[in-house]
mmCIF file of all heavy atoms, coordinates in Angstrom:
data_MODEL
# 
_entry.id   MODEL 
# 
loop_
_atom_site.group_PDB 
_atom_site.id 
_atom_site.type_symbol 
_atom_site.label_atom_id 
_atom_site.label_alt_id 
_atom_site.label_comp_id 
_atom_site.label_asym_id 
_atom_site.label_entity_id 
_atom_site.label_seq_id 
_atom_site.pdbx_PDB_ins_code 
_atom_site.Cartn_x 
_atom_site.Cartn_y 
_atom_site.Cartn_z 
_atom_site.occupancy 
_atom_site.B_iso_or_equiv 
_atom_site.pdbx_formal_charge 
_atom_site.auth_seq_id 
_atom_site.auth_comp_id 
_atom_site.auth_asym_id 
_atom_site.auth_atom_id 
_atom_site.pdbx_PDB_model_num 
ATOM 1   N N   . THR A 1 1  ? 48.168 -56.160 2.730  1.00 0.00 ? 1  THR A N   1 
ATOM 2   C CA  . THR A 1 1  ? 49.069 -57.110 3.384  1.00 0.00 ? 1  THR A CA  1 
ATOM 3   C C   . THR A 1 1  ? 49.615 -58.142 2.404  1.00 0.00 ? 1  THR A C   1 
ATOM 4   O O   . THR A 1 1  ? 50.158 -59.165 2.801  1.00 0.00 ? 1  THR A O   1 
ATOM 5   C CB  . THR A 1 1  ? 48.365 -57.809 4.556  1.00 0.00 ? 1  THR A CB  1 
ATOM 6   O OG1 . THR A 1 1  ? 47.157 -58.428 4.087  1.00 0.00 ? 1  THR A OG1 1 
ATOM 7   C CG2 . THR A 1 1  ? 48.034 -56.806 5.658  1.00 0.00 ? 1  THR A CG2 1 
ATOM 8   N N   . HIS A 1 2  ? 49.468 -57.866 1.115  1.00 0.00 ? 2  HIS A N   1 
ATOM 9   C CA  . HIS A 1 2  ? 50.096 -58.647 0.044  1.00 0.00 ? 2  HIS A CA  1 
ATOM 10  C C   . HIS A 1 2  ? 49.787 -60.141 0.149  1.00 0.00 ? 2  HIS A C   1 
ATOM 11  O O   . HIS A 1 2  ? 50.678 -60.995 0.039  1.00 0.00 ? 2  HIS A O   1 
ATOM 12  C CB  . HIS A 1 2  ? 51.603 -58.395 0.032  1.00 0.00 ? 2  HIS A CB  1 
ATOM 13  C CG  . HIS A 1 2  ? 51.949 -56.956 -0.192 1.00 0.00 ? 2  HIS A CG  1 
ATOM 14  N ND1 . HIS A 1 2  ? 52.115 -56.401 -1.436 1.00 0.00 ? 2  HIS A ND1 1 
ATOM 15  C CD2 . HIS A 1 2  ? 52.109 -55.928 0.693  1.00 0.00 ? 2  HIS A CD2 1 
ATOM 16  C CE1 . HIS A 1 2  ? 52.377 -55.107 -1.328 1.00 0.00 ? 2  HIS A CE1 1 
ATOM 17  N NE2 . HIS A 1 2  ? 52.373 -54.793 -0.042 1.00 0.00 ? 2  HIS A NE2 1 
ATOM 18  N N   . GLY A 1 3  ? 48.515 -60.441 0.365  1.00 0.00 ? 3  GLY A N   1 
ATOM 19  C CA  . GLY A 1 3  ? 48.077 -61.826 0.346  1.00 0.00 ? 3  GLY A CA  1 
ATOM 20  C C   . GLY A 1 3  ? 48.181 -62.556 1.664  1.00 0.00 ? 3  GLY A C   1 
ATOM 21  O O   . GLY A 1 3  ? 47.819 -63.740 1.746  1.00 0.00 ? 3  GLY A O   1 
ATOM 22  N N   . ALA A 1 4  ? 48.669 -61.897 2.714  1.00 0.00 ? 4  ALA A N   1 
ATOM 23  C CA  . ALA A 1 4  ? 48.753 -62.563 4.014  1.00 0.00 ? 4  ALA A CA  1 
ATOM 24  C C   . ALA A 1 4  ? 47.354 -62.942 4.495  1.00 0.00 ? 4  ALA A C   1 
ATOM 25  O O   . ALA A 1 4  ? 46.421 -62.138 4.418  1.00 0.00 ? 4  ALA A O   1 
ATOM 26  C CB  . ALA A 1 4  ? 49.425 -61.655 5.036  1.00 0.00 ? 4  ALA A CB  1 
ATOM 27  N N   . LEU A 1 5  ? 47.227 -64.154 4.991  1.00 0.00 ? 5  LEU A N   1 
ATOM 28  C CA  . LEU A 1 5  ? 45.930 -64.659 5.414  1.00 0.00 ? 5  LEU A CA  1 
ATOM 29  C C   . LEU A 1 5  ? 45.723 -64.565 6.921  1.00 0.00 ? 5  LEU A C   1 
ATOM 30  O O   . LEU A 1 5  ? 44.727 -65.043 7.448  1.00 0.00 ? 5  LEU A O   1 
ATOM 31  C CB  . LEU A 1 5  ? 45.778 -66.117 4.959  1.00 0.00 ? 5  LEU A CB  1 
ATOM 32  C CG  . LEU A 1 5  ? 45.892 -66.355 3.447  1.00 0.00 ? 5  LEU A CG  1 
ATOM 33  C CD1 . LEU A 1 5  ? 45.780 -67.845 3.141  1.00 0.00 ? 5  LEU A CD1 1 
ATOM 34  C CD2 . LEU A 1 5  ? 44.836 -65.572 2.681  1.00 0.00 ? 5  LEU A CD2 1 
ATOM 35  N N   . LYS A 1 6  ? 46.672 -63.929 7.634  1.00 0.00 ? 6  LYS A N   1 
ATOM 36  C CA  . LYS A 1 6  ? 46.594 -63.887 9.094  1.00 0.00 ? 6  LYS A CA  1 
ATOM 37  C C   . LYS A 1 6  ? 45.477 -62.973 9.586  1.00 0.00 ? 6  LYS A C   1 
ATOM 38  O O   . LYS A 1 6  ? 44.884 -63.214 10.636 1.00 0.00 ? 6  LYS A O   1 
ATOM 39  C CB  . LYS A 1 6  ? 47.931 -63.432 9.677  1.00 0.00 ? 6  LYS A CB  1 
ATOM 40  C CG  . LYS A 1 6  ? 49.090 -64.359 9.333  1.00 0.00 ? 6  LYS A CG  1 
ATOM 41  C CD  . LYS A 1 6  ? 50.415 -63.818 9.858  1.00 0.00 ? 6  LYS A CD  1 
ATOM 42  C CE  . LYS A 1 6  ? 51.578 -64.704 9.468  1.00 0.00 ? 6  LYS A CE  1 
ATOM 43  N NZ  . LYS A 1 6  ? 52.874 -64.178 9.948  1.00 0.00 ? 6  LYS A NZ  1 
ATOM 44  N N   . VAL A 1 7  ? 45.217 -61.889 8.850  1.00 0.00 ? 7  VAL A N   1 
ATOM 45  C CA  . VAL A 1 7  ? 44.197 -60.924 9.271  1.00 0.00 ? 7  VAL A CA  1 
ATOM 46  C C   . VAL A 1 7  ? 43.428 -60.435 8.053  1.00 0.00 ? 7  VAL A C   1 
ATOM 47  O O   . VAL A 1 7  ? 43.920 -60.485 6.921  1.00 0.00 ? 7  VAL A O   1 
ATOM 48  C CB  . VAL A 1 7  ? 44.823 -59.706 9.999  1.00 0.00 ? 7  VAL A CB  1 
ATOM 49  C CG1 . VAL A 1 7  ? 45.506 -60.129 11.286 1.00 0.00 ? 7  VAL A CG1 1 
ATOM 50  C CG2 . VAL A 1 7  ? 45.804 -58.976 9.092  1.00 0.00 ? 7  VAL A CG2 1 
ATOM 51  N N   . ASP A 1 8  ? 42.224 -59.946 8.299  1.00 0.00 ? 8  ASP A N   1 
ATOM 52  C CA  . ASP A 1 8  ? 41.409 -59.332 7.257  1.00 0.00 ? 8  ASP A CA  1 
ATOM 53  C C   . ASP A 1 8  ? 41.869 -57.885 7.072  1.00 0.00 ? 8  ASP A C   1 
ATOM 54  O O   . ASP A 1 8  ? 41.793 -57.092 8.020  1.00 0.00 ? 8  ASP A O   1 
ATOM 55  C CB  . ASP A 1 8  ? 39.942 -59.380 7.672  1.00 0.00 ? 8  ASP A CB  1 
ATOM 56  C CG  . ASP A 1 8  ? 39.035 -58.633 6.703  1.00 0.00 ? 8  ASP A CG  1 
ATOM 57  O OD1 . ASP A 1 8  ? 39.459 -58.401 5.553  1.00 0.00 ? 8  ASP A OD1 1 
ATOM 58  O OD2 . ASP A 1 8  ? 37.920 -58.264 7.106  1.00 0.00 ? 8  ASP A OD2 1 
ATOM 59  N N   . PRO A 1 9  ? 42.350 -57.507 5.874  1.00 0.00 ? 9  PRO A N   1 
ATOM 60  C CA  . PRO A 1 9  ? 42.844 -56.132 5.680  1.00 0.00 ? 9  PRO A CA  1 
ATOM 61  C C   . PRO A 1 9  ? 41.801 -55.063 5.996  1.00 0.00 ? 9  PRO A C   1 
ATOM 62  O O   . PRO A 1 9  ? 42.143 -54.007 6.526  1.00 0.00 ? 9  PRO A O   1 
ATOM 63  C CB  . PRO A 1 9  ? 43.241 -56.107 4.200  1.00 0.00 ? 9  PRO A CB  1 
ATOM 64  C CG  . PRO A 1 9  ? 43.547 -57.532 3.866  1.00 0.00 ? 9  PRO A CG  1 
ATOM 65  C CD  . PRO A 1 9  ? 42.582 -58.345 4.678  1.00 0.00 ? 9  PRO A CD  1 
ATOM 66  N N   . ALA A 1 10 ? 40.536 -55.348 5.674  1.00 0.00 ? 10 ALA A N   1 
ATOM 67  C CA  . ALA A 1 10 ? 39.489 -54.352 5.960  1.00 0.00 ? 10 ALA A CA  1 
ATOM 68  C C   . ALA A 1 10 ? 39.351 -54.126 7.464  1.00 0.00 ? 10 ALA A C   1 
ATOM 69  O O   . ALA A 1 10 ? 39.197 -52.985 7.923  1.00 0.00 ? 10 ALA A O   1 
ATOM 70  C CB  . ALA A 1 10 ? 38.166 -54.810 5.366  1.00 0.00 ? 10 ALA A CB  1 
ATOM 71  N N   . ARG A 1 11 ? 39.413 -55.190 8.226  1.00 0.00 ? 11 ARG A N   1 
ATOM 72  C CA  . ARG A 1 11 ? 39.354 -55.041 9.686  1.00 0.00 ? 11 ARG A CA  1 
ATOM 73  C C   . ARG A 1 11 ? 40.606 -54.337 10.192 1.00 0.00 ? 11 ARG A C   1 
ATOM 74  O O   . ARG A 1 11 ? 40.538 -53.499 11.108 1.00 0.00 ? 11 ARG A O   1 
ATOM 75  C CB  . ARG A 1 11 ? 39.207 -56.405 10.348 1.00 0.00 ? 11 ARG A CB  1 
ATOM 76  C CG  . ARG A 1 11 ? 39.053 -56.292 11.867 1.00 0.00 ? 11 ARG A CG  1 
ATOM 77  C CD  . ARG A 1 11 ? 38.995 -57.635 12.538 1.00 0.00 ? 11 ARG A CD  1 
ATOM 78  N NE  . ARG A 1 11 ? 39.086 -57.483 13.991 1.00 0.00 ? 11 ARG A NE  1 
ATOM 79  C CZ  . ARG A 1 11 ? 39.586 -58.395 14.806 1.00 0.00 ? 11 ARG A CZ  1 
ATOM 80  N NH1 . ARG A 1 11 ? 40.054 -59.549 14.325 1.00 0.00 ? 11 ARG A NH1 1 
ATOM 81  N NH2 . ARG A 1 11 ? 39.646 -58.171 16.100 1.00 0.00 ? 11 ARG A NH2 1 
ATOM 82  N N   . LEU A 1 12 ? 41.753 -54.661 9.607  1.00 0.00 ? 12 LEU A N   1 
ATOM 83  C CA  . LEU A 1 12 ? 43.006 -54.021 10.014 1.00 0.00 ? 12 LEU A CA  1 
ATOM 84  C C   . LEU A 1 12 ? 42.951 -52.515 9.766  1.00 0.00 ? 12 LEU A C   1 
ATOM 85  O O   . LEU A 1 12 ? 43.417 -51.721 10.591 1.00 0.00 ? 12 LEU A O   1 
ATOM 86  C CB  . LEU A 1 12 ? 44.180 -54.654 9.259  1.00 0.00 ? 12 LEU A CB  1 
ATOM 87  C CG  . LEU A 1 12 ? 45.580 -54.161 9.605  1.00 0.00 ? 12 LEU A CG  1 
ATOM 88  C CD1 . LEU A 1 12 ? 45.893 -54.314 11.090 1.00 0.00 ? 12 LEU A CD1 1 
ATOM 89  C CD2 . LEU A 1 12 ? 46.625 -54.920 8.766  1.00 0.00 ? 12 LEU A CD2 1 
ATOM 90  N N   . GLU A 1 13 ? 42.368 -52.114 8.631  1.00 0.00 ? 13 GLU A N   1 
ATOM 91  C CA  . GLU A 1 13 ? 42.193 -50.681 8.359  1.00 0.00 ? 13 GLU A CA  1 
ATOM 92  C C   . GLU A 1 13 ? 41.404 -50.007 9.470  1.00 0.00 ? 13 GLU A C   1 
ATOM 93  O O   . GLU A 1 13 ? 41.768 -48.920 9.944  1.00 0.00 ? 13 GLU A O   1 
ATOM 94  C CB  . GLU A 1 13 ? 41.479 -50.485 7.020  1.00 0.00 ? 13 GLU A CB  1 
ATOM 95  C CG  . GLU A 1 13 ? 42.323 -50.822 5.801  1.00 0.00 ? 13 GLU A CG  1 
ATOM 96  C CD  . GLU A 1 13 ? 41.544 -50.765 4.507  1.00 0.00 ? 13 GLU A CD  1 
ATOM 97  O OE1 . GLU A 1 13 ? 40.314 -50.573 4.558  1.00 0.00 ? 13 GLU A OE1 1 
ATOM 98  O OE2 . GLU A 1 13 ? 42.166 -50.921 3.448  1.00 0.00 ? 13 GLU A OE2 1 
ATOM 99  N N   . LYS A 1 14 ? 40.323 -50.645 9.886  1.00 0.00 ? 14 LYS A N   1 
ATOM 100 C CA  . LYS A 1 14 ? 39.465 -50.078 10.931 1.00 0.00 ? 14 LYS A CA  1 
ATOM 101 C C   . LYS A 1 14 ? 40.215 -49.981 12.261 1.00 0.00 ? 14 LYS A C   1 
ATOM 102 O O   . LYS A 1 14 ? 40.177 -48.940 12.937 1.00 0.00 ? 14 LYS A O   1 
ATOM 103 C CB  . LYS A 1 14 ? 38.208 -50.935 11.083 1.00 0.00 ? 14 LYS A CB  1 
ATOM 104 C CG  . LYS A 1 14 ? 37.205 -50.437 12.125 1.00 0.00 ? 14 LYS A CG  1 
ATOM 105 C CD  . LYS A 1 14 ? 35.953 -51.295 12.103 1.00 0.00 ? 14 LYS A CD  1 
ATOM 106 C CE  . LYS A 1 14 ? 34.911 -50.772 13.078 1.00 0.00 ? 14 LYS A CE  1 
ATOM 107 N NZ  . LYS A 1 14 ? 35.347 -50.909 14.485 1.00 0.00 ? 14 LYS A NZ  1 
ATOM 108 N N   . VAL A 1 15 ? 40.930 -51.049 12.619 1.00 0.00 ? 15 VAL A N   1 
ATOM 109 C CA  . VAL A 1 15 ? 41.640 -51.078 13.901 1.00 0.00 ? 15 VAL A CA  1 
ATOM 110 C C   . VAL A 1 15 ? 42.744 -50.026 13.943 1.00 0.00 ? 15 VAL A C   1 
ATOM 111 O O   . VAL A 1 15 ? 42.896 -49.304 14.942 1.00 0.00 ? 15 VAL A O   1 
ATOM 112 C CB  . VAL A 1 15 ? 42.221 -52.485 14.155 1.00 0.00 ? 15 VAL A CB  1 
ATOM 113 C CG1 . VAL A 1 15 ? 43.211 -52.471 15.312 1.00 0.00 ? 15 VAL A CG1 1 
ATOM 114 C CG2 . VAL A 1 15 ? 41.098 -53.482 14.418 1.00 0.00 ? 15 VAL A CG2 1 
ATOM 115 N N   . LEU A 1 16 ? 43.507 -49.899 12.885 1.00 0.00 ? 16 LEU A N   1 
ATOM 116 C CA  . LEU A 1 16 ? 44.615 -48.936 12.869 1.00 0.00 ? 16 LEU A CA  1 
ATOM 117 C C   . LEU A 1 16 ? 44.104 -47.510 13.013 1.00 0.00 ? 16 LEU A C   1 
ATOM 118 O O   . LEU A 1 16 ? 44.697 -46.686 13.727 1.00 0.00 ? 16 LEU A O   1 
ATOM 119 C CB  . LEU A 1 16 ? 45.429 -49.085 11.588 1.00 0.00 ? 16 LEU A CB  1 
ATOM 120 C CG  . LEU A 1 16 ? 46.271 -50.356 11.468 1.00 0.00 ? 16 LEU A CG  1 
ATOM 121 C CD1 . LEU A 1 16 ? 46.901 -50.454 10.082 1.00 0.00 ? 16 LEU A CD1 1 
ATOM 122 C CD2 . LEU A 1 16 ? 47.368 -50.401 12.536 1.00 0.00 ? 16 LEU A CD2 1 
ATOM 123 N N   . GLN A 1 17 ? 43.000 -47.195 12.353 1.00 0.00 ? 17 GLN A N   1 
ATOM 124 C CA  . GLN A 1 17 ? 42.453 -45.839 12.451 1.00 0.00 ? 17 GLN A CA  1 
ATOM 125 C C   . GLN A 1 17 ? 41.862 -45.563 13.836 1.00 0.00 ? 17 GLN A C   1 
ATOM 126 O O   . GLN A 1 17 ? 41.799 -44.407 14.253 1.00 0.00 ? 17 GLN A O   1 
ATOM 127 C CB  . GLN A 1 17 ? 41.393 -45.629 11.373 1.00 0.00 ? 17 GLN A CB  1 
ATOM 128 C CG  . GLN A 1 17 ? 41.989 -45.588 9.974  1.00 0.00 ? 17 GLN A CG  1 
ATOM 129 C CD  . GLN A 1 17 ? 40.934 -45.365 8.911  1.00 0.00 ? 17 GLN A CD  1 
ATOM 130 O OE1 . GLN A 1 17 ? 40.605 -44.231 8.557  1.00 0.00 ? 17 GLN A OE1 1 
ATOM 131 N NE2 . GLN A 1 17 ? 40.384 -46.455 8.405  1.00 0.00 ? 17 GLN A NE2 1 
ATOM 132 N N   . GLU A 1 18 ? 41.448 -46.620 14.529 1.00 0.00 ? 18 GLU A N   1 
ATOM 133 C CA  . GLU A 1 18 ? 40.985 -46.440 15.903 1.00 0.00 ? 18 GLU A CA  1 
ATOM 134 C C   . GLU A 1 18 ? 42.149 -46.248 16.868 1.00 0.00 ? 18 GLU A C   1 
ATOM 135 O O   . GLU A 1 18 ? 42.031 -45.545 17.879 1.00 0.00 ? 18 GLU A O   1 
ATOM 136 C CB  . GLU A 1 18 ? 40.146 -47.651 16.327 1.00 0.00 ? 18 GLU A CB  1 
ATOM 137 C CG  . GLU A 1 18 ? 38.800 -47.738 15.615 1.00 0.00 ? 18 GLU A CG  1 
ATOM 138 C CD  . GLU A 1 18 ? 38.084 -49.057 15.882 1.00 0.00 ? 18 GLU A CD  1 
ATOM 139 O OE1 . GLU A 1 18 ? 38.739 -49.972 16.441 1.00 0.00 ? 18 GLU A OE1 1 
ATOM 140 O OE2 . GLU A 1 18 ? 36.897 -49.160 15.533 1.00 0.00 ? 18 GLU A OE2 1 
ATOM 141 N N   . MET A 1 19 ? 43.295 -46.849 16.552 1.00 0.00 ? 19 MET A N   1 
ATOM 142 C CA  . MET A 1 19 ? 44.456 -46.759 17.437 1.00 0.00 ? 19 MET A CA  1 
ATOM 143 C C   . MET A 1 19 ? 45.179 -45.430 17.330 1.00 0.00 ? 19 MET A C   1 
ATOM 144 O O   . MET A 1 19 ? 45.712 -44.916 18.319 1.00 0.00 ? 19 MET A O   1 
ATOM 145 C CB  . MET A 1 19 ? 45.443 -47.892 17.120 1.00 0.00 ? 19 MET A CB  1 
ATOM 146 C CG  . MET A 1 19 ? 45.016 -49.254 17.603 1.00 0.00 ? 19 MET A CG  1 
ATOM 147 S SD  . MET A 1 19 ? 46.323 -50.476 17.300 1.00 0.00 ? 19 MET A SD  1 
ATOM 148 C CE  . MET A 1 19 ? 45.605 -51.896 18.149 1.00 0.00 ? 19 MET A CE  1 
ATOM 149 N N   . VAL A 1 20 ? 45.219 -44.867 16.131 1.00 0.00 ? 20 VAL A N   1 
ATOM 150 C CA  . VAL A 1 20 ? 46.006 -43.657 15.891 1.00 0.00 ? 20 VAL A CA  1 
ATOM 151 C C   . VAL A 1 20 ? 45.151 -42.629 15.164 1.00 0.00 ? 20 VAL A C   1 
ATOM 152 O O   . VAL A 1 20 ? 44.502 -42.932 14.162 1.00 0.00 ? 20 VAL A O   1 
ATOM 153 C CB  . VAL A 1 20 ? 47.272 -43.971 15.056 1.00 0.00 ? 20 VAL A CB  1 
ATOM 154 C CG1 . VAL A 1 20 ? 48.043 -42.685 14.770 1.00 0.00 ? 20 VAL A CG1 1 
ATOM 155 C CG2 . VAL A 1 20 ? 48.154 -44.969 15.778 1.00 0.00 ? 20 VAL A CG2 1 
ATOM 156 N N   . ASN A 1 21 ? 45.155 -41.405 15.671 1.00 0.00 ? 21 ASN A N   1 
ATOM 157 C CA  . ASN A 1 21 ? 44.491 -40.282 15.025 1.00 0.00 ? 21 ASN A CA  1 
ATOM 158 C C   . ASN A 1 21 ? 45.359 -39.830 13.851 1.00 0.00 ? 21 ASN A C   1 
ATOM 159 O O   . ASN A 1 21 ? 46.463 -39.313 14.043 1.00 0.00 ? 21 ASN A O   1 
ATOM 160 C CB  . ASN A 1 21 ? 44.311 -39.143 16.034 1.00 0.00 ? 21 ASN A CB  1 
ATOM 161 C CG  . ASN A 1 21 ? 43.676 -37.910 15.423 1.00 0.00 ? 21 ASN A CG  1 
ATOM 162 O OD1 . ASN A 1 21 ? 43.426 -37.837 14.226 1.00 0.00 ? 21 ASN A OD1 1 
ATOM 163 N ND2 . ASN A 1 21 ? 43.428 -36.915 16.262 1.00 0.00 ? 21 ASN A ND2 1 
ATOM 164 N N   . LEU A 1 22 ? 44.867 -40.006 12.633 1.00 0.00 ? 22 LEU A N   1 
ATOM 165 C CA  . LEU A 1 22 ? 45.659 -39.733 11.440 1.00 0.00 ? 22 LEU A CA  1 
ATOM 166 C C   . LEU A 1 22 ? 45.398 -38.344 10.856 1.00 0.00 ? 22 LEU A C   1 
ATOM 167 O O   . LEU A 1 22 ? 45.753 -38.077 9.713  1.00 0.00 ? 22 LEU A O   1 
ATOM 168 C CB  . LEU A 1 22 ? 45.414 -40.819 10.388 1.00 0.00 ? 22 LEU A CB  1 
ATOM 169 C CG  . LEU A 1 22 ? 45.968 -42.192 10.781 1.00 0.00 ? 22 LEU A CG  1 
ATOM 170 C CD1 . LEU A 1 22 ? 45.510 -43.268 9.811  1.00 0.00 ? 22 LEU A CD1 1 
ATOM 171 C CD2 . LEU A 1 22 ? 47.490 -42.152 10.853 1.00 0.00 ? 22 LEU A CD2 1 
ATOM 172 N N   . SER A 1 23 ? 44.801 -37.465 11.637 1.00 0.00 ? 23 SER A N   1 
ATOM 173 C CA  . SER A 1 23 ? 44.754 -36.061 11.218 1.00 0.00 ? 23 SER A CA  1 
ATOM 174 C C   . SER A 1 23 ? 46.171 -35.494 11.275 1.00 0.00 ? 23 SER A C   1 
ATOM 175 O O   . SER A 1 23 ? 47.046 -36.064 11.932 1.00 0.00 ? 23 SER A O   1 
ATOM 176 C CB  . SER A 1 23 ? 43.851 -35.258 12.150 1.00 0.00 ? 23 SER A CB  1 
ATOM 177 O OG  . SER A 1 23 ? 44.443 -35.145 13.444 1.00 0.00 ? 23 SER A OG  1 
ATOM 178 N N   . PRO A 1 24 ? 46.446 -34.379 10.594 1.00 0.00 ? 24 PRO A N   1 
ATOM 179 C CA  . PRO A 1 24 ? 47.781 -33.792 10.688 1.00 0.00 ? 24 PRO A CA  1 
ATOM 180 C C   . PRO A 1 24 ? 48.205 -33.531 12.135 1.00 0.00 ? 24 PRO A C   1 
ATOM 181 O O   . PRO A 1 24 ? 49.337 -33.828 12.521 1.00 0.00 ? 24 PRO A O   1 
ATOM 182 C CB  . PRO A 1 24 ? 47.643 -32.488 9.896  1.00 0.00 ? 24 PRO A CB  1 
ATOM 183 C CG  . PRO A 1 24 ? 46.583 -32.789 8.883  1.00 0.00 ? 24 PRO A CG  1 
ATOM 184 C CD  . PRO A 1 24 ? 45.601 -33.676 9.601  1.00 0.00 ? 24 PRO A CD  1 
ATOM 185 N N   . ARG A 1 25 ? 47.303 -32.995 12.938 1.00 0.00 ? 25 ARG A N   1 
ATOM 186 C CA  . ARG A 1 25 ? 47.628 -32.760 14.338 1.00 0.00 ? 25 ARG A CA  1 
ATOM 187 C C   . ARG A 1 25 ? 47.846 -34.086 15.071 1.00 0.00 ? 25 ARG A C   1 
ATOM 188 O O   . ARG A 1 25 ? 48.754 -34.216 15.894 1.00 0.00 ? 25 ARG A O   1 
ATOM 189 C CB  . ARG A 1 25 ? 46.517 -31.972 15.031 1.00 0.00 ? 25 ARG A CB  1 
ATOM 190 C CG  . ARG A 1 25 ? 46.874 -31.586 16.471 1.00 0.00 ? 25 ARG A CG  1 
ATOM 191 C CD  . ARG A 1 25 ? 45.634 -31.150 17.242 1.00 0.00 ? 25 ARG A CD  1 
ATOM 192 N NE  . ARG A 1 25 ? 45.004 -29.985 16.660 1.00 0.00 ? 25 ARG A NE  1 
ATOM 193 C CZ  . ARG A 1 25 ? 45.347 -28.736 16.925 1.00 0.00 ? 25 ARG A CZ  1 
ATOM 194 N NH1 . ARG A 1 25 ? 46.354 -28.492 17.756 1.00 0.00 ? 25 ARG A NH1 1 
ATOM 195 N NH2 . ARG A 1 25 ? 44.703 -27.723 16.362 1.00 0.00 ? 25 ARG A NH2 1 
ATOM 196 N N   . GLY A 1 26 ? 47.013 -35.082 14.766 1.00 0.00 ? 26 GLY A N   1 
ATOM 197 C CA  . GLY A 1 26 ? 47.148 -36.374 15.422 1.00 0.00 ? 26 GLY A CA  1 
ATOM 198 C C   . GLY A 1 26 ? 48.479 -37.036 15.140 1.00 0.00 ? 26 GLY A C   1 
ATOM 199 O O   . GLY A 1 26 ? 49.127 -37.577 16.054 1.00 0.00 ? 26 GLY A O   1 
ATOM 200 N N   . SER A 1 27 ? 48.916 -37.013 13.883 1.00 0.00 ? 27 SER A N   1 
ATOM 201 C CA  . SER A 1 27 ? 50.210 -37.607 13.527 1.00 0.00 ? 27 SER A CA  1 
ATOM 202 C C   . SER A 1 27 ? 51.351 -36.858 14.196 1.00 0.00 ? 27 SER A C   1 
ATOM 203 O O   . SER A 1 27 ? 52.285 -37.472 14.731 1.00 0.00 ? 27 SER A O   1 
ATOM 204 C CB  . SER A 1 27 ? 50.397 -37.586 12.005 1.00 0.00 ? 27 SER A CB  1 
ATOM 205 O OG  . SER A 1 27 ? 49.450 -38.423 11.369 1.00 0.00 ? 27 SER A OG  1 
# 
């Protein structure tokens, strides 16, 4: 997030992967 302090990037990584299935079939 290029230094943005609004969210923790590590937590954002976890949340995004929970929201969307990033397997080829999932995408």
